[in-house]
PDB file of N, CA and C in Angstrom:
ATOM      1  N   MET A   1       0.829  -1.183   0.000  1.00  0.00           N
ATOM      2  CA  MET A   1       0.000   0.000   0.000  1.00  0.00           C
ATOM      3  C   MET A   1       0.869   1.240   0.000  1.00  0.00           C
ATOM      4  N   SER A   2       0.445   2.131  -0.778  1.00  0.00           N
ATOM      5  CA  SER A   2       1.205   3.368  -0.861  1.00  0.00           C
ATOM      6  C   SER A   2       0.319   4.502  -0.356  1.00  0.00           C
ATOM      7  N   TYR A   3       0.845   5.260   0.551  1.00  0.00           N
ATOM      8  CA  TYR A   3       0.117   6.403   1.089  1.00  0.00           C
ATOM      9  C   TYR A   3       0.676   7.670   0.474  1.00  0.00           C
ATOM     10  N   GLU A   4      -0.239   8.483   0.003  1.00  0.00           N
ATOM     11  CA  GLU A   4       0.182   9.761  -0.555  1.00  0.00           C
ATOM     12  C   GLU A   4       0.310  10.770   0.587  1.00  0.00           C
ATOM     13  N   PRO A   5       1.306  11.556   0.551  1.00  0.00           N
ATOM     14  CA  PRO A   5       1.423  12.562   1.603  1.00  0.00           C
ATOM     15  C   PRO A   5       0.281  13.576   1.492  1.00  0.00           C
ATOM     16  N   VAL A   6      -0.253  13.935   2.634  1.00  0.00           N
ATOM     17  CA  VAL A   6      -1.363  14.895   2.672  1.00  0.00           C
ATOM     18  C   VAL A   6      -0.766  16.293   2.727  1.00  0.00           C
ATOM     19  N   SER A   7      -1.265  17.126   1.872  1.00  0.00           N
ATOM     20  CA  SER A   7      -0.726  18.478   1.830  1.00  0.00           C
ATOM     21  C   SER A   7      -1.217  19.282   3.046  1.00  0.00           C
ATOM     22  N   GLN A   8      -0.430  20.216   3.426  1.00  0.00           N
ATOM     23  CA  GLN A   8      -0.767  21.060   4.565  1.00  0.00           C
ATOM     24  C   GLN A   8      -2.050  21.859   4.298  1.00  0.00           C
ATOM     25  N   ARG A   9      -2.251  22.214   3.066  1.00  0.00           N
ATOM     26  CA  ARG A   9      -3.457  22.979   2.710  1.00  0.00           C
ATOM     27  C   ARG A   9      -4.706  22.147   2.952  1.00  0.00           C
ATOM     28  N   ARG A  10      -4.673  20.852   2.572  1.00  0.00           N
ATOM     29  CA  ARG A  10      -5.830  19.969   2.793  1.00  0.00           C
ATOM     30  C   ARG A  10      -6.098  19.783   4.273  1.00  0.00           C
ATOM     31  N   VAL A  11      -5.051  19.632   5.057  1.00  0.00           N
ATOM     32  CA  VAL A  11      -5.208  19.463   6.507  1.00  0.00           C
ATOM     33  C   VAL A  11      -5.859  20.701   7.102  1.00  0.00           C
ATOM     34  N   ARG A  12      -5.387  21.852   6.683  1.00  0.00           N
ATOM     35  CA  ARG A  12      -5.958  23.094   7.208  1.00  0.00           C
ATOM     36  C   ARG A  12      -7.428  23.244   6.802  1.00  0.00           C
ATOM     37  N   ILE A  13      -7.757  22.847   5.596  1.00  0.00           N
ATOM     38  CA  ILE A  13      -9.154  22.913   5.141  1.00  0.00           C
ATOM     39  C   ILE A  13     -10.028  21.998   5.990  1.00  0.00           C
ATOM     40  N   TRP A  14      -9.577  20.761   6.235  1.00  0.00           N
ATOM     41  CA  TRP A  14     -10.375  19.831   7.045  1.00  0.00           C
ATOM     42  C   TRP A  14     -10.492  20.306   8.496  1.00  0.00           C
ATOM     43  N   ILE A  15      -9.433  20.874   9.028  1.00  0.00           N
ATOM     44  CA  ILE A  15      -9.505  21.423  10.388  1.00  0.00           C
ATOM     45  C   ILE A  15     -10.498  22.585  10.427  1.00  0.00           C
ATOM     46  N   LEU A  16     -10.464  23.431   9.423  1.00  0.00           N
ATOM     47  CA  LEU A  16     -11.394  24.548   9.344  1.00  0.00           C
ATOM     48  C   LEU A  16     -12.836  24.059   9.232  1.00  0.00           C
ATOM     49  N   VAL A  17     -13.058  23.050   8.385  1.00  0.00           N
ATOM     50  CA  VAL A  17     -14.407  22.480   8.240  1.00  0.00           C
ATOM     51  C   VAL A  17     -14.875  21.897   9.572  1.00  0.00           C
ATOM     52  N   ALA A  18     -13.987  21.176  10.262  1.00  0.00           N
ATOM     53  CA  ALA A  18     -14.349  20.584  11.559  1.00  0.00           C
ATOM     54  C   ALA A  18     -14.679  21.668  12.574  1.00  0.00           C
ATOM     55  N   LEU A  19     -13.882  22.726  12.593  1.00  0.00           N
ATOM     56  CA  LEU A  19     -14.148  23.820  13.530  1.00  0.00           C
ATOM     57  C   LEU A  19     -15.461  24.523  13.219  1.00  0.00           C
ATOM     58  N   ILE A  20     -15.752  24.687  11.938  1.00  0.00           N
ATOM     59  CA  ILE A  20     -17.014  25.318  11.551  1.00  0.00           C
ATOM     60  C   ILE A  20     -18.190  24.438  11.979  1.00  0.00           C
ATOM     61  N   ILE A  21     -18.065  23.135  11.754  1.00  0.00           N
ATOM     62  CA  ILE A  21     -19.148  22.222  12.144  1.00  0.00           C
ATOM     63  C   ILE A  21     -19.334  22.233  13.661  1.00  0.00           C
ATOM     64  N   ILE A  22     -18.237  22.151  14.409  1.00  0.00           N
ATOM     65  CA  ILE A  22     -18.326  22.174  15.873  1.00  0.00           C
ATOM     66  C   ILE A  22     -18.882  23.509  16.342  1.00  0.00           C
ATOM     67  N   GLY A  23     -18.419  24.597  15.747  1.00  0.00           N
ATOM     68  CA  GLY A  23     -18.919  25.919  16.114  1.00  0.00           C
ATOM     69  C   GLY A  23     -20.393  26.080  15.813  1.00  0.00           C
ATOM     70  N   ALA A  24     -20.808  25.554  14.659  1.00  0.00           N
ATOM     71  CA  ALA A  24     -22.223  25.653  14.294  1.00  0.00           C
ATOM     72  C   ALA A  24     -23.095  24.854  15.245  1.00  0.00           C
ATOM     73  N   THR A  25     -22.622  23.675  15.633  1.00  0.00           N
ATOM     74  CA  THR A  25     -23.425  22.879  16.562  1.00  0.00           C
ATOM     75  C   THR A  25     -23.467  23.540  17.928  1.00  0.00           C
ATOM     76  N   ARG A  26     -22.364  24.156  18.346  1.00  0.00           N
ATOM     77  CA  ARG A  26     -22.358  24.849  19.643  1.00  0.00           C
ATOM     78  C   ARG A  26     -23.291  26.055  19.600  1.00  0.00           C
ATOM     79  N   VAL A  27     -23.241  26.816  18.524  1.00  0.00           N
ATOM     80  CA  VAL A  27     -24.130  27.969  18.400  1.00  0.00           C
ATOM     81  C   VAL A  27     -25.577  27.499  18.381  1.00  0.00           C
ATOM     82  N   TYR A  28     -25.853  26.424  17.653  1.00  0.00           N
ATOM     83  CA  TYR A  28     -27.211  25.883  17.616  1.00  0.00           C
ATOM     84  C   TYR A  28     -27.630  25.432  18.999  1.00  0.00           C
ATOM     85  N   TYR A  29     -26.733  24.773  19.731  1.00  0.00           N
ATOM     86  CA  TYR A  29     -27.046  24.303  21.080  1.00  0.00           C
ATOM     87  C   TYR A  29     -27.336  25.482  22.005  1.00  0.00           C
ATOM     88  N   VAL A  30     -26.530  26.525  21.898  1.00  0.00           N
ATOM     89  CA  VAL A  30     -26.746  27.709  22.733  1.00  0.00           C
ATOM     90  C   VAL A  30     -28.066  28.368  22.381  1.00  0.00           C
ATOM     91  N   ARG A  31     -28.345  28.490  21.094  1.00  0.00           N
ATOM     92  CA  ARG A  31     -29.625  29.083  20.684  1.00  0.00           C
ATOM     93  C   ARG A  31     -30.797  28.248  21.169  1.00  0.00           C
ATOM     94  N   GLU A  32     -30.658  26.928  21.101  1.00  0.00           N
ATOM     95  CA  GLU A  32     -31.717  26.036  21.561  1.00  0.00           C
ATOM     96  C   GLU A  32     -31.929  26.184  23.069  1.00  0.00           C
ATOM     97  N   MET A  33     -30.847  26.266  23.816  1.00  0.00           N
ATOM     98  CA  MET A  33     -30.942  26.420  25.266  1.00  0.00           C
ATOM     99  C   MET A  33     -31.533  27.780  25.643  1.00  0.00           C
ATOM    100  N   LEU A  34     -31.163  28.830  24.915  1.00  0.00           N
ATOM    101  CA  LEU A  34     -31.743  30.150  25.174  1.00  0.00           C
ATOM    102  C   LEU A  34     -33.240  30.168  24.862  1.00  0.00           C
ATOM    103  N   ALA A  35     -33.633  29.504  23.790  1.00  0.00           N
ATOM    104  CA  ALA A  35     -35.057  29.428  23.461  1.00  0.00           C
ATOM    105  C   ALA A  35     -35.817  28.676  24.552  1.00  0.00           C
ATOM    106  N   ALA A  36     -35.235  27.580  25.026  1.00  0.00           N
ATOM    107  CA  ALA A  36     -35.878  26.825  26.108  1.00  0.00           C
ATOM    108  C   ALA A  36     -35.963  27.667  27.372  1.00  0.00           C
ATOM    109  N   LEU A  37     -34.907  28.427  27.681  1.00  0.00           N
ATOM    110  CA  LEU A  37     -34.920  29.292  28.859  1.00  0.00           C
ATOM    111  C   LEU A  37     -36.012  30.343  28.753  1.00  0.00           C
ATOM    112  N   ILE A  38     -36.158  30.932  27.587  1.00  0.00           N
ATOM    113  CA  ILE A  38     -37.191  31.956  27.394  1.00  0.00           C
ATOM    114  C   ILE A  38     -38.577  31.348  27.532  1.00  0.00           C
ATOM    115  N   ILE A  39     -38.784  30.180  26.936  1.00  0.00           N
ATOM    116  CA  ILE A  39     -40.097  29.528  27.013  1.00  0.00           C
ATOM    117  C   ILE A  39     -40.440  29.164  28.447  1.00  0.00           C
ATOM    118  N   PHE A  40     -39.488  28.529  29.158  1.00  0.00           N
ATOM    119  CA  PHE A  40     -39.767  28.133  30.526  1.00  0.00           C
ATOM    120  C   PHE A  40     -39.903  29.336  31.454  1.00  0.00           C
ATOM    121  N   SER A  41     -39.179  30.408  31.181  1.00  0.00           N
ATOM    122  CA  SER A  41     -39.333  31.622  31.981  1.00  0.00           C
ATOM    123  C   SER A  41     -40.715  32.225  31.785  1.00  0.00           C
ATOM    124  N   ALA A  42     -41.168  32.243  30.547  1.00  0.00           N
ATOM    125  CA  ALA A  42     -42.510  32.772  30.274  1.00  0.00           C
ATOM    126  C   ALA A  42     -43.574  31.901  30.936  1.00  0.00           C
ATOM    127  N   LEU A  43     -43.416  30.584  30.859  1.00  0.00           N
ATOM    128  CA  LEU A  43     -44.389  29.700  31.512  1.00  0.00           C
ATOM    129  C   LEU A  43     -44.362  29.873  33.022  1.00  0.00           C
ATOM    130  N   PHE A  44     -43.177  30.016  33.608  1.00  0.00           N
ATOM    131  CA  PHE A  44     -43.071  30.226  35.043  1.00  0.00           C
ATOM    132  C   PHE A  44     -43.737  31.539  35.449  1.00  0.00           C
ATOM    133  N   ALA A  45     -43.509  32.590  34.673  1.00  0.00           N
ATOM    134  CA  ALA A  45     -44.133  33.879  34.965  1.00  0.00           C
ATOM    135  C   ALA A  45     -45.649  33.788  34.854  1.00  0.00           C
ATOM    136  N   LEU A  46     -46.137  33.040  33.875  1.00  0.00           N
ATOM    137  CA  LEU A  46     -47.582  32.866  33.714  1.00  0.00           C
ATOM    138  C   LEU A  46     -48.182  32.127  34.900  1.00  0.00           C
ATOM    139  N   VAL A  47     -47.535  31.040  35.324  1.00  0.00           N
ATOM    140  CA  VAL A  47     -48.033  30.279  36.477  1.00  0.00           C
ATOM    141  C   VAL A  47     -47.964  31.131  37.740  1.00  0.00           C
ATOM    142  N   ALA A  48     -46.886  31.890  37.909  1.00  0.00           N
ATOM    143  CA  ALA A  48     -46.758  32.761  39.079  1.00  0.00           C
ATOM    144  C   ALA A  48     -47.846  33.832  39.076  1.00  0.00           C
ATOM    145  N   ALA A  49     -48.155  34.394  37.920  1.00  0.00           N
ATOM    146  CA  ALA A  49     -49.208  35.409  37.821  1.00  0.00           C
ATOM    147  C   ALA A  49     -50.570  34.811  38.155  1.00  0.00           C
ATOM    148  N   ILE A  50     -50.832  33.602  37.677  1.00  0.00           N
ATOM    149  CA  ILE A  50     -52.111  32.944  37.983  1.00  0.00           C
ATOM    150  C   ILE A  50     -52.222  32.678  39.485  1.00  0.00           C
ATOM    151  N   ILE A  51     -51.139  32.196  40.092  1.00  0.00           N
ATOM    152  CA  ILE A  51     -51.164  31.935  41.531  1.00  0.00           C
ATOM    153  C   ILE A  51     -51.352  33.238  42.300  1.00  0.00           C
ATOM    154  N   LEU A  52     -50.689  34.310  41.866  1.00  0.00           N
ATOM    155  CA  LEU A  52     -50.840  35.605  42.527  1.00  0.00           C
ATOM    156  C   LEU A  52     -52.272  36.119  42.408  1.00  0.00           C
ATOM    157  N   ILE A  53     -52.871  35.980  41.245  1.00  0.00           N
ATOM    158  CA  ILE A  53     -54.255  36.416  41.059  1.00  0.00           C
ATOM    159  C   ILE A  53     -55.192  35.612  41.949  1.00  0.00           C
ATOM    160  N   LEU A  54     -54.989  34.293  42.000  1.00  0.00           N
ATOM    161  CA  LEU A  54     -55.837  33.470  42.865  1.00  0.00           C
ATOM    162  C   LEU A  54     -55.663  33.838  44.334  1.00  0.00           C
ATOM    163  N   PHE A  55     -54.428  34.124  44.741  1.00  0.00           N
ATOM    164  CA  PHE A  55     -54.190  34.529  46.118  1.00  0.00           C
ATOM    165  C   PHE A  55     -54.874  35.857  46.420  1.00  0.00           C
ATOM    166  N   LEU A  56     -54.781  36.806  45.487  1.00  0.00           N
ATOM    167  CA  LEU A  56     -55.429  38.101  45.703  1.00  0.00           C
ATOM    168  C   LEU A  56     -56.942  37.970  45.766  1.00  0.00           C
ATOM    169  N   ILE A  57     -57.511  37.108  44.935  1.00  0.00           N
ATOM    170  CA  ILE A  57     -58.960  36.877  44.987  1.00  0.00           C
ATOM    171  C   ILE A  57     -59.341  36.277  46.332  1.00  0.00           C
ATOM    172  N   TRP A  58     -58.543  35.282  46.785  1.00  0.00           N
ATOM    173  CA  TRP A  58     -58.817  34.670  48.080  1.00  0.00           C
ATOM    174  C   TRP A  58     -58.705  35.708  49.196  1.00  0.00           C
ATOM    175  N   PHE A  59     -57.678  36.556  49.135  1.00  0.00           N
ATOM    176  CA  PHE A  59     -57.477  37.578  50.155  1.00  0.00           C
ATOM    177  C   PHE A  59     -58.639  38.565  50.171  1.00  0.00           C
ATOM    178  N   LEU A  60     -59.070  39.005  48.995  1.00  0.00           N
ATOM    179  CA  LEU A  60     -60.183  39.957  48.925  1.00  0.00           C
ATOM    180  C   LEU A  60     -61.485  39.333  49.413  1.00  0.00           C
ATOM    181  N   LEU A  61     -61.722  38.060  49.078  1.00  0.00           N
ATOM    182  CA  LEU A  61     -62.922  37.390  49.576  1.00  0.00           C
ATOM    183  C   LEU A  61     -62.868  37.222  51.086  1.00  0.00           C
ATOM    184  N   ASP A  62     -61.695  36.953  51.631  1.00  0.00           N
ATOM    185  CA  ASP A  62     -61.541  36.823  53.077  1.00  0.00           C
ATOM    186  C   ASP A  62     -61.841  38.149  53.768  1.00  0.00           C
ATOM    187  N   ARG A  63     -61.276  39.236  53.228  1.00  0.00           N
ATOM    188  CA  ARG A  63     -61.533  40.549  53.824  1.00  0.00           C
ATOM    189  C   ARG A  63     -63.008  40.929  53.709  1.00  0.00           C
ATOM    190  N   ALA A  64     -63.612  40.637  52.576  1.00  0.00           N
ATOM    191  CA  ALA A  64     -65.034  40.963  52.394  1.00  0.00           C
ATOM    192  C   ALA A  64     -65.898  40.152  53.347  1.00  0.00           C
ATOM    193  N   SER A  65     -65.561  38.881  53.537  1.00  0.00           N
ATOM    194  CA  SER A  65     -66.357  38.068  54.459  1.00  0.00           C
ATOM    195  C   SER A  65     -66.180  38.540  55.897  1.00  0.00           C
ATOM    196  N   GLN A  66     -64.979  38.990  56.270  1.00  0.00           N
ATOM    197  CA  GLN A  66     -64.779  39.521  57.620  1.00  0.00           C
ATOM    198  C   GLN A  66     -65.592  40.793  57.827  1.00  0.00           C
ATOM    199  N   LEU A  67     -65.586  41.667  56.835  1.00  0.00           N
ATOM    200  CA  LEU A  67     -66.387  42.889  56.939  1.00  0.00           C
ATOM    201  C   LEU A  67     -67.879  42.566  57.014  1.00  0.00           C
ATOM    202  N   ALA A  68     -68.308  41.616  56.203  1.00  0.00           N
ATOM    203  CA  ALA A  68     -69.730  41.240  56.208  1.00  0.00           C
ATOM    204  C   ALA A  68     -70.122  40.615  57.545  1.00  0.00           C
ATOM    205  N   LEU A  69     -69.266  39.755  58.095  1.00  0.00           N
ATOM    206  CA  LEU A  69     -69.579  39.144  59.390  1.00  0.00           C
ATOM    207  C   LEU A  69     -69.577  40.182  60.507  1.00  0.00           C
ATOM    208  N   GLY A  70     -68.697  41.159  60.433  1.00  0.00           N
ATOM    209  CA  GLY A  70     -68.707  42.244  61.424  1.00  0.00           C
ATOM    210  C   GLY A  70     -69.982  43.053  61.344  1.00  0.00           C
ATOM    211  N   TRP A  71     -70.412  43.341  60.122  1.00  0.00           N
ATOM    212  CA  TRP A  71     -71.659  44.086  59.935  1.00  0.00           C
ATOM    213  C   TRP A  71     -72.845  43.274  60.436  1.00  0.00           C
ATOM    214  N   ILE A  72     -72.873  41.983  60.112  1.00  0.00           N
ATOM    215  CA  ILE A  72     -73.972  41.118  60.551  1.00  0.00           C
ATOM    216  C   ILE A  72     -73.983  40.994  62.069  1.00  0.00           C
ATOM    217  N   GLU A  73     -72.799  40.892  62.675  1.00  0.00           N
ATOM    218  CA  GLU A  73     -72.717  40.775  64.135  1.00  0.00           C
ATOM    219  C   GLU A  73     -73.277  42.023  64.804  1.00  0.00           C
ATOM    220  N   ALA A  74     -72.925  43.206  64.296  1.00  0.00           N
ATOM    221  CA  ALA A  74     -73.441  44.454  64.866  1.00  0.00           C
ATOM    222  C   ALA A  74     -74.958  44.522  64.735  1.00  0.00           C
ATOM    223  N   ARG A  75     -75.490  44.116  63.577  1.00  0.00           N
ATOM    224  CA  ARG A  75     -76.944  44.142  63.374  1.00  0.00           C
ATOM    225  C   ARG A  75     -77.647  43.098  64.250  1.00  0.00           C
ATOM    226  N   ALA A  76     -77.019  41.965  64.420  1.00  0.00           N
ATOM    227  CA  ALA A  76     -77.628  40.912  65.249  1.00  0.00           C
ATOM    228  C   ALA A  76     -77.676  41.340  66.713  1.00  0.00           C
ATOM    229  N   LYS A  77     -76.636  42.017  67.192  1.00  0.00           N
ATOM    230  CA  LYS A  77     -76.647  42.490  68.576  1.00  0.00           C
ATOM    231  C   LYS A  77     -77.746  43.525  68.797  1.00  0.00           C
ATOM    232  N   SER A  78     -77.851  44.466  67.849  1.00  0.00           N
ATOM    233  CA  SER A  78     -78.894  45.481  68.004  1.00  0.00           C
ATOM    234  C   SER A  78     -80.283  44.841  67.900  1.00  0.00           C
ATOM    235  N   PHE A  79     -80.408  43.843  67.019  1.00  0.00           N
ATOM    236  CA  PHE A  79     -81.693  43.153  66.882  1.00  0.00           C
ATOM    237  C   PHE A  79     -82.028  42.379  68.155  1.00  0.00           C
ATOM    238  N   SER A  80     -81.034  41.728  68.773  1.00  0.00           N
ATOM    239  CA  SER A  80     -81.314  40.954  69.993  1.00  0.00           C
ATOM    240  C   SER A  80     -81.649  41.890  71.151  1.00  0.00           C
ATOM    241  N   ARG A  81     -81.004  43.061  71.242  1.00  0.00           N
ATOM    242  CA  ARG A  81     -81.363  44.029  72.294  1.00  0.00           C
ATOM    243  C   ARG A  81     -82.796  44.508  72.112  1.00  0.00           C
ATOM    244  N   ALA A  82     -83.162  44.780  70.869  1.00  0.00           N
ATOM    245  CA  ALA A  82     -84.528  45.241  70.605  1.00  0.00           C
ATOM    246  C   ALA A  82     -85.529  44.141  70.917  1.00  0.00           C
ATOM    247  N   ALA A  83     -85.188  42.910  70.615  1.00  0.00           N
ATOM    248  CA  ALA A  83     -86.100  41.798  70.898  1.00  0.00           C
ATOM    249  C   ALA A  83     -86.236  41.593  72.399  1.00  0.00           C
ATOM    250  N   LEU A  84     -85.142  41.744  73.161  1.00  0.00           N
ATOM    251  CA  LEU A  84     -85.223  41.603  74.611  1.00  0.00           C
ATOM    252  C   LEU A  84     -86.072  42.706  75.239  1.00  0.00           C
ATOM    253  N   ARG A  85     -86.066  43.916  74.687  1.00  0.00           N
ATOM    254  CA  ARG A  85     -86.887  45.002  75.197  1.00  0.00           C
ATOM    255  C   ARG A  85     -88.358  44.737  74.968  1.00  0.00           C
ATOM    256  N   LEU A  86     -88.684  43.985  73.948  1.00  0.00           N
ATOM    257  CA  LEU A  86     -90.077  43.707  73.642  1.00  0.00           C
ATOM    258  C   LEU A  86     -90.668  42.623  74.537  1.00  0.00           C
ATOM    259  N   LEU A  87     -89.810  41.785  75.117  1.00  0.00           N
ATOM    260  CA  LEU A  87     -90.312  40.708  75.974  1.00  0.00           C
ATOM    261  C   LEU A  87     -90.790  41.265  77.304  1.00  0.00           C
ATOM    262  N   PRO A  88     -91.796  40.642  77.897  1.00  0.00           N
ATOM    263  CA  PRO A  88     -92.233  41.091  79.238  1.00  0.00           C
ATOM    264  C   PRO A  88     -91.137  40.857  80.271  1.00  0.00           C
ATOM    265  N   ALA A  89     -91.168  41.577  81.359  1.00  0.00           N
ATOM    266  CA  ALA A  89     -90.108  41.523  82.372  1.00  0.00           C
ATOM    267  C   ALA A  89     -90.000  40.148  83.010  1.00  0.00           C
ATOM    268  N   ARG A  90     -91.097  39.439  83.177  1.00  0.00           N
ATOM    269  CA  ARG A  90     -91.068  38.129  83.838  1.00  0.00           C
ATOM    270  C   ARG A  90     -90.397  37.066  82.973  1.00  0.00           C
ATOM    271  N   SER A  91     -90.513  37.106  81.689  1.00  0.00           N
ATOM    272  CA  SER A  91     -89.941  36.079  80.833  1.00  0.00           C
ATOM    273  C   SER A  91     -88.445  36.259  80.614  1.00  0.00           C
ATOM    274  N   ARG A  92     -87.888  37.375  81.041  1.00  0.00           N
ATOM    275  CA  ARG A  92     -86.458  37.622  80.859  1.00  0.00           C
ATOM    276  C   ARG A  92     -85.600  36.813  81.834  1.00  0.00           C
ATOM    277  N   VAL A  93     -86.171  36.391  82.926  1.00  0.00           N
ATOM    278  CA  VAL A  93     -85.412  35.690  83.954  1.00  0.00           C
ATOM    279  C   VAL A  93     -85.106  34.306  83.586  1.00  0.00           C
TER     280      VAL A  93
END
């Protein structure tokens, strides 16, 4: 078998081609990872916003129910005092 000597120019061309291929795959990998990061960040922000909205709705409903129960309690006390005044004195004991 006879091997032909490889010229330096051919070696440099193949090294350049290999570097371009490796560089292209690395750039593609980085772009793919950045796209995944952006997508997952957007999804995380969306889920966080939904959870925040649900928490705020729960908080507002809690505050509204506390205010409503306070109002009802005040009205019930005044109603019970008025009802006790209407009863005869003997039945209060």
